[in-house]
Amino acid sequence: MVKTPPDRIIVLIPTLNEAQHIEAVLTQLLAQDAVAGQARVIVADGGSTDGTQGILEGLATRFPNVELRHNPKRTQAHAMNMLLVPEFEAYDIAIRCDAHAAYPSDFISRLCAELDRQPDIASIVIPMDAVAEGNCFRRGLAFVADSKLGAGGSPHRGGVKSGYVEHGHHAAFRLDAFRAIGGYDTSFIANEDAEFDRRLIASRRKIWLDASIRIGYFPRDSLRGLWRQYYKYGVGRARNCMKHGDMPAPRQMIPVVHVILLVLSLLILPFSLLGLIWPVFYLLLLSGVAILMAQKHQALCGLVALPALAAMHTSWGIGFLVGLVQARKAGR
């Protein structure tokens, strides 16, 4: 049961070119949830050019509690930091939703009820489950995106166990805690959520992963898009480590070691066939995974696992190394 009055709850949805999804997302969030239907809902648009804003204007009669705000700096971090301005001081709970996801019909009310039930937690994070829909690449990627080879065993990527965590996919915040630590660091274009969680934990506040409240997310539908996504993740993680003086987790070092081994292999190859050891082993490993995925799901799209995993590992590792160099230069 939700104890916080709906007029003290705010839902914020950052968007950028989400014409394909925004109506479905708002319908899922608001149509069957009494709390969400009475809360203030802001869609912070970063300058969409695909008709997203027109769709939102057309939905105004169906969802009168939804308002469109412009986010001239475009990023999700800037959108969320709108909540730091005095206009929103009367609100107690903020729910962050993404326009590129699938939500259960009681998403908002369950998050608020859980915050009310656990007064000692500052935020709730949730698991994401890859949705195997769309073109062949997206479906094949979804088969492995949340696996240990894909997400490295992150609790919020397909995890099934609730508990206190140090990071997860952001869903609900107590706004007093959000304000106290200054919201997101807007210099981050990726990994801003993990950086926020690092400061939240350092402030002696708690984060709860609720594995019973789950969303579906739609993976990238092209190899190029996947590469760019994970490259940014790697850069963001490096910046996060450098900012706070942290060592990356062992699972996060695996893509970095992979990239280093690839470079060493290329350097060795002109002089010795020993340079083939890592590339051949890695290719055989991913090939085996791809074949298993194709068999498990009875779909040739499972073979996408090979290029998809290679792109995820390699781009993240390169991004991390580039991010280290950039952070060191910026610190001079």
Protein backbone atom coordinates (compact mmCIF):
# COMPACT_ATOMS: atom_id res chain seq x y z
CA MET A 1 0.00 0.00 0.00
CA VAL A 2 1.32 3.44 -0.95
CA LYS A 3 1.39 5.88 1.98
CA THR A 4 3.06 8.81 0.19
CA PRO A 5 0.37 11.07 -1.32
CA PRO A 6 0.39 10.98 -5.14
CA ASP A 7 0.82 14.74 -5.28
CA ARG A 8 4.24 14.26 -3.64
CA ILE A 9 5.37 11.75 -6.28
CA ILE A 10 6.97 12.78 -9.55
CA VAL A 11 7.74 10.56 -12.54
CA LEU A 12 10.42 11.71 -14.95
CA ILE A 13 10.99 10.16 -18.38
CA PRO A 14 14.00 11.39 -20.39
CA THR A 15 13.46 10.99 -24.15
CA LEU A 16 15.28 11.54 -27.41
CA ASN A 17 13.71 10.25 -30.64
CA GLU A 18 11.42 7.68 -29.02
CA ALA A 19 8.39 7.99 -31.33
CA GLN A 20 8.33 4.23 -31.72
CA HIS A 21 7.97 3.56 -27.98
CA ILE A 22 6.70 6.59 -26.05
CA GLU A 23 2.95 5.96 -26.39
CA ALA A 24 3.29 2.32 -25.32
CA VAL A 25 5.48 3.31 -22.37
CA LEU A 26 3.02 5.92 -21.09
CA THR A 27 0.12 3.50 -21.53
CA GLN A 28 1.94 0.79 -19.59
CA LEU A 29 2.86 3.18 -16.79
CA LEU A 30 -0.36 5.16 -16.40
CA ALA A 31 -3.40 3.35 -17.80
CA GLN A 32 -3.88 0.84 -14.96
CA ASP A 33 -1.98 2.36 -12.03
CA ALA A 34 -4.06 4.64 -9.78
CA VAL A 35 -0.97 6.15 -8.11
CA ALA A 36 0.71 6.89 -11.44
CA GLY A 37 -2.51 8.36 -12.79
CA GLN A 38 -2.50 10.99 -10.04
CA ALA A 39 1.24 11.68 -9.87
CA ARG A 40 2.97 14.42 -11.84
CA VAL A 41 4.62 12.97 -14.94
CA ILE A 42 7.24 14.92 -16.86
CA VAL A 43 8.65 13.82 -20.19
CA ALA A 44 11.98 15.64 -20.60
CA ASP A 45 12.72 15.63 -24.31
CA GLY A 46 16.23 16.28 -25.56
CA GLY A 47 15.21 17.68 -28.93
CA SER A 48 13.56 14.78 -30.75
CA THR A 49 13.25 15.08 -34.51
CA ASP A 50 11.20 11.92 -35.17
CA GLY A 51 7.79 13.16 -34.02
CA THR A 52 8.09 12.21 -30.34
CA GLN A 53 6.96 15.65 -29.19
CA GLY A 54 3.93 15.63 -31.48
CA ILE A 55 2.87 12.23 -30.14
CA LEU A 56 3.12 13.55 -26.59
CA GLU A 57 1.00 16.58 -27.40
CA GLY A 58 -1.59 14.26 -28.90
CA LEU A 59 -1.67 12.15 -25.72
CA ALA A 60 -2.48 15.16 -23.52
CA THR A 61 -6.23 14.47 -23.42
CA ARG A 62 -5.72 10.81 -22.53
CA PHE A 63 -3.12 11.49 -19.84
CA PRO A 64 -3.74 15.03 -18.50
CA ASN A 65 -1.09 14.60 -15.77
CA VAL A 66 1.67 14.29 -18.40
CA GLU A 67 3.62 17.39 -19.36
CA LEU A 68 6.36 17.89 -21.93
CA ARG A 69 9.51 19.71 -20.87
CA HIS A 70 12.44 20.56 -23.10
CA ASN A 71 15.87 19.33 -22.10
CA PRO A 72 18.25 21.50 -24.15
CA LYS A 73 21.36 19.69 -22.88
CA ARG A 74 19.87 16.41 -24.10
CA THR A 75 21.40 13.88 -21.69
CA GLN A 76 19.54 11.77 -19.14
CA ALA A 77 21.65 13.26 -16.34
CA HIS A 78 20.56 16.81 -17.25
CA ALA A 79 16.95 15.65 -17.48
CA MET A 80 16.99 14.11 -14.00
CA ASN A 81 18.72 17.12 -12.50
CA MET A 82 15.67 19.19 -13.35
CA LEU A 83 14.42 17.80 -10.05
CA LEU A 84 17.00 19.87 -8.17
CA VAL A 85 15.32 23.20 -8.95
CA PRO A 86 13.04 24.85 -6.33
CA GLU A 87 9.91 24.06 -8.36
CA PHE A 88 10.12 20.44 -7.22
CA GLU A 89 10.94 20.95 -3.55
CA ALA A 90 7.47 19.76 -2.48
CA TYR A 91 8.01 16.26 -3.89
CA ASP A 92 9.27 13.33 -1.82
CA ILE A 93 9.67 10.49 -4.32
CA ALA A 94 11.00 10.51 -7.87
CA ILE A 95 10.55 7.63 -10.30
CA ARG A 96 12.88 7.47 -13.28
CA CYS A 97 11.58 5.66 -16.35
CA ASP A 98 13.20 5.09 -19.73
CA ALA A 99 11.26 5.47 -22.95
CA HIS A 100 13.02 2.47 -24.47
CA ALA A 101 11.65 -0.19 -22.13
CA ALA A 102 8.60 -2.31 -21.28
CA TYR A 103 6.93 -1.86 -17.88
CA PRO A 104 4.50 -3.82 -15.70
CA SER A 105 1.17 -2.05 -15.21
CA ASP A 106 1.73 -1.45 -11.46
CA PHE A 107 5.33 -0.27 -11.75
CA ILE A 108 4.93 3.16 -10.13
CA SER A 109 2.72 2.07 -7.23
CA ARG A 110 4.90 -0.92 -6.34
CA LEU A 111 8.07 1.18 -6.25
CA CYS A 112 6.43 3.80 -4.03
CA ALA A 113 4.98 1.14 -1.74
CA GLU A 114 8.41 -0.45 -1.36
CA LEU A 115 10.01 2.89 -0.47
CA ASP A 116 7.24 3.46 2.10
CA ARG A 117 7.81 -0.03 3.49
CA GLN A 118 11.58 0.45 3.89
CA PRO A 119 12.25 3.90 5.34
CA ASP A 120 15.98 3.16 5.69
CA ILE A 121 16.66 2.88 1.94
CA ALA A 122 17.46 5.89 -0.25
CA SER A 123 16.73 4.35 -3.63
CA ILE A 124 15.40 1.26 -5.35
CA VAL A 125 17.04 -0.35 -8.34
CA ILE A 126 15.56 -3.14 -10.42
CA PRO A 127 16.56 -5.95 -12.79
CA MET A 128 16.26 -5.53 -16.55
CA ASP A 129 15.47 -8.44 -18.84
CA ALA A 130 16.45 -8.23 -22.51
CA VAL A 131 13.42 -8.52 -24.82
CA ALA A 132 13.97 -10.77 -27.83
CA GLU A 133 11.88 -8.80 -30.32
CA GLY A 134 12.65 -6.93 -33.52
CA ASN A 135 15.21 -7.73 -36.16
CA CYS A 136 17.48 -10.78 -36.09
CA PHE A 137 20.40 -8.92 -34.58
CA ARG A 138 18.37 -7.62 -31.63
CA ARG A 139 16.84 -11.02 -30.96
CA GLY A 140 20.20 -12.78 -31.07
CA LEU A 141 21.74 -10.13 -28.84
CA ALA A 142 18.89 -10.50 -26.34
CA PHE A 143 19.70 -14.21 -25.97
CA VAL A 144 23.14 -13.40 -24.50
CA ALA A 145 22.94 -9.78 -23.30
CA ASP A 146 22.14 -10.72 -19.69
CA SER A 147 24.44 -13.74 -19.50
CA LYS A 148 27.73 -13.74 -17.58
CA LEU A 149 29.61 -13.36 -20.85
CA GLY A 150 27.36 -10.46 -21.78
CA ALA A 151 26.67 -8.48 -18.61
CA GLY A 152 29.40 -10.00 -16.48
CA GLY A 153 26.99 -11.21 -13.81
CA SER A 154 25.59 -7.78 -12.86
CA PRO A 155 22.75 -8.34 -10.35
CA HIS A 156 20.46 -5.91 -12.20
CA ARG A 157 20.88 -7.66 -15.55
CA GLY A 158 18.56 -10.61 -15.31
CA GLY A 159 19.21 -11.13 -11.59
CA VAL A 160 16.59 -12.89 -9.44
CA LYS A 161 17.71 -12.10 -5.89
CA SER A 162 16.62 -9.04 -3.91
CA GLY A 163 19.00 -7.36 -1.49
CA TYR A 164 21.24 -4.41 -0.75
CA VAL A 165 23.56 -3.56 -3.63
CA GLU A 166 26.08 -0.89 -4.56
CA HIS A 167 24.63 -0.26 -8.03
CA GLY A 168 21.70 -1.14 -10.25
CA HIS A 169 19.28 0.15 -12.86
CA HIS A 170 17.74 3.30 -11.37
CA ALA A 171 14.01 3.27 -10.69
CA ALA A 172 13.01 5.17 -7.53
CA PHE A 173 14.67 7.82 -5.36
CA ARG A 174 13.97 9.60 -2.13
CA LEU A 175 14.36 13.16 -3.30
CA ASP A 176 15.90 14.35 -0.05
CA ALA A 177 18.82 11.98 -0.69
CA PHE A 178 18.95 12.90 -4.38
CA ARG A 179 19.18 16.59 -3.47
CA ALA A 180 21.64 16.03 -0.63
CA ILE A 181 24.32 14.58 -2.92
CA GLY A 182 23.63 16.97 -5.80
CA GLY A 183 21.90 14.63 -8.24
CA TYR A 184 23.80 13.26 -11.22
CA ASP A 185 27.23 14.43 -12.35
CA THR A 186 26.24 15.93 -15.71
CA SER A 187 29.78 15.68 -17.07
CA PHE A 188 29.12 11.95 -17.51
CA ILE A 189 27.40 10.97 -20.79
CA ALA A 190 27.39 7.32 -19.69
CA ASN A 191 27.77 5.55 -16.34
CA GLU A 192 26.20 8.55 -14.60
CA ASP A 193 23.96 6.17 -12.67
CA ALA A 194 26.89 4.16 -11.30
CA GLU A 195 28.71 7.36 -10.39
CA PHE A 196 25.61 8.58 -8.53
CA ASP A 197 25.35 5.27 -6.67
CA ARG A 198 29.02 5.52 -5.69
CA ARG A 199 28.35 8.87 -3.98
CA LEU A 200 25.09 7.64 -2.47
CA ILE A 201 26.84 4.69 -0.80
CA ALA A 202 29.67 6.97 0.33
CA SER A 203 27.06 9.16 2.06
CA ARG A 204 26.09 6.10 4.16
CA ARG A 205 22.76 5.63 2.42
CA LYS A 206 21.38 2.32 1.18
CA ILE A 207 20.30 1.01 -2.23
CA TRP A 208 17.80 -1.85 -2.48
CA LEU A 209 17.55 -4.15 -5.49
CA ASP A 210 13.97 -5.40 -5.75
CA ALA A 211 14.08 -8.43 -8.02
CA SER A 212 10.28 -8.74 -8.02
CA ILE A 213 9.84 -5.42 -9.88
CA ARG A 214 11.26 -6.03 -13.34
CA ILE A 215 11.28 -4.27 -16.68
CA GLY A 216 12.06 -5.41 -20.18
CA TYR A 217 14.59 -3.50 -22.23
CA PHE A 218 15.21 -3.50 -25.95
CA PRO A 219 18.86 -4.10 -26.90
CA ARG A 220 20.51 -2.29 -29.80
CA ASP A 221 19.42 -3.49 -33.23
CA SER A 222 22.75 -3.08 -35.03
CA LEU A 223 26.38 -3.96 -34.46
CA ARG A 224 27.39 -0.33 -34.90
CA GLY A 225 24.91 0.86 -32.28
CA LEU A 226 26.03 -1.85 -29.84
CA TRP A 227 29.69 -0.92 -30.33
CA ARG A 228 29.02 2.75 -29.63
CA GLN A 229 26.92 1.92 -26.55
CA TYR A 230 29.55 -0.27 -24.91
CA TYR A 231 32.41 2.03 -25.87
CA LYS A 232 30.63 4.81 -23.93
CA TYR A 233 30.06 2.43 -21.02
CA GLY A 234 33.78 1.67 -20.90
CA VAL A 235 34.76 5.34 -21.01
CA GLY A 236 32.23 6.14 -18.28
CA ARG A 237 33.45 3.34 -16.02
CA ALA A 238 37.06 4.52 -16.36
CA ARG A 239 36.07 8.09 -15.51
CA ASN A 240 34.14 6.81 -12.52
CA CYS A 241 37.13 4.84 -11.24
CA MET A 242 39.47 7.78 -11.72
CA LYS A 243 37.11 10.27 -10.08
CA HIS A 244 36.68 8.21 -6.93
CA GLY A 245 40.02 6.40 -6.84
CA ASP A 246 38.34 2.99 -7.16
CA MET A 247 39.66 -0.21 -8.67
CA PRO A 248 37.32 -1.79 -11.23
CA ALA A 249 35.72 -5.09 -10.28
CA PRO A 250 37.48 -8.23 -11.58
CA ARG A 251 34.61 -8.90 -14.02
CA GLN A 252 35.07 -5.40 -15.43
CA MET A 253 38.76 -6.03 -16.07
CA ILE A 254 38.08 -9.03 -18.29
CA PRO A 255 37.27 -6.92 -21.41
CA VAL A 256 40.36 -4.79 -20.73
CA VAL A 257 42.58 -7.87 -20.50
CA HIS A 258 40.96 -9.16 -23.70
CA VAL A 259 41.88 -5.98 -25.58
CA ILE A 260 45.43 -6.04 -24.24
CA LEU A 261 45.82 -9.69 -25.30
CA LEU A 262 44.52 -8.85 -28.78
CA VAL A 263 47.08 -6.06 -29.13
CA LEU A 264 49.89 -8.31 -27.90
CA SER A 265 48.77 -11.01 -30.31
CA LEU A 266 48.99 -8.60 -33.24
CA LEU A 267 52.48 -7.55 -32.17
CA ILE A 268 53.66 -11.15 -31.84
CA LEU A 269 52.09 -12.54 -35.02
CA PRO A 270 54.73 -11.24 -37.48
CA PHE A 271 57.35 -13.20 -35.55
CA SER A 272 55.55 -16.22 -34.10
CA LEU A 273 52.38 -18.25 -34.42
CA LEU A 274 52.02 -17.89 -30.66
CA GLY A 275 50.19 -14.71 -31.53
CA LEU A 276 47.26 -16.88 -32.65
CA ILE A 277 46.67 -18.47 -29.25
CA TRP A 278 44.36 -15.84 -27.77
CA PRO A 279 42.44 -14.89 -30.95
CA VAL A 280 41.78 -18.53 -31.81
CA PHE A 281 40.75 -19.44 -28.26
CA TYR A 282 38.46 -16.41 -28.07
CA LEU A 283 36.90 -17.15 -31.46
CA LEU A 284 36.27 -20.78 -30.53
CA LEU A 285 34.72 -19.74 -27.21
CA LEU A 286 32.28 -17.28 -28.79
CA SER A 287 31.52 -19.68 -31.64
CA GLY A 288 30.56 -22.33 -29.12
CA VAL A 289 28.29 -19.91 -27.28
CA ALA A 290 26.67 -18.80 -30.54
CA ILE A 291 25.95 -22.37 -31.59
CA LEU A 292 24.49 -23.15 -28.18
CA MET A 293 22.23 -20.08 -28.39
CA ALA A 294 21.02 -21.07 -31.86
CA GLN A 295 20.22 -24.58 -30.61
CA LYS A 296 18.63 -23.45 -27.35
CA HIS A 297 16.30 -20.96 -29.01
CA GLN A 298 15.82 -22.92 -32.23
CA ALA A 299 16.76 -19.81 -34.20
CA LEU A 300 19.67 -18.99 -36.49
CA CYS A 301 19.62 -15.52 -34.95
CA GLY A 302 21.37 -17.11 -31.98
CA LEU A 303 24.53 -17.03 -34.07
CA VAL A 304 24.50 -13.25 -33.60
CA ALA A 305 26.02 -14.00 -30.19
CA LEU A 306 29.47 -14.25 -31.78
CA PRO A 307 29.77 -10.74 -33.28
CA ALA A 308 27.62 -9.22 -30.51
CA LEU A 309 29.75 -10.51 -27.63
CA ALA A 310 32.94 -9.63 -29.50
CA ALA A 311 31.67 -6.07 -29.98
CA MET A 312 30.61 -5.74 -26.34
CA HIS A 313 33.89 -6.98 -24.92
CA THR A 314 36.21 -5.20 -27.34
CA SER A 315 34.46 -1.82 -27.41
CA TRP A 316 34.07 -1.74 -23.60
CA GLY A 317 37.74 -2.61 -23.13
CA ILE A 318 38.90 0.01 -25.64
CA GLY A 319 36.55 2.58 -24.12
CA PHE A 320 37.90 1.89 -20.64
CA LEU A 321 41.52 2.36 -21.75
CA VAL A 322 40.63 5.53 -23.67
CA GLY A 323 38.71 6.80 -20.65
CA LEU A 324 41.76 6.27 -18.41
CA VAL A 325 43.92 8.32 -20.76
CA GLN A 326 41.31 11.07 -21.03
CA ALA A 327 40.83 11.23 -17.28
CA ARG A 328 44.57 11.42 -16.65
CA LYS A 329 44.96 14.24 -19.16
CA ALA A 330 42.02 16.12 -17.66
CA GLY A 331 43.56 15.76 -14.20
CA ARG A 332 46.80 17.45 -15.17
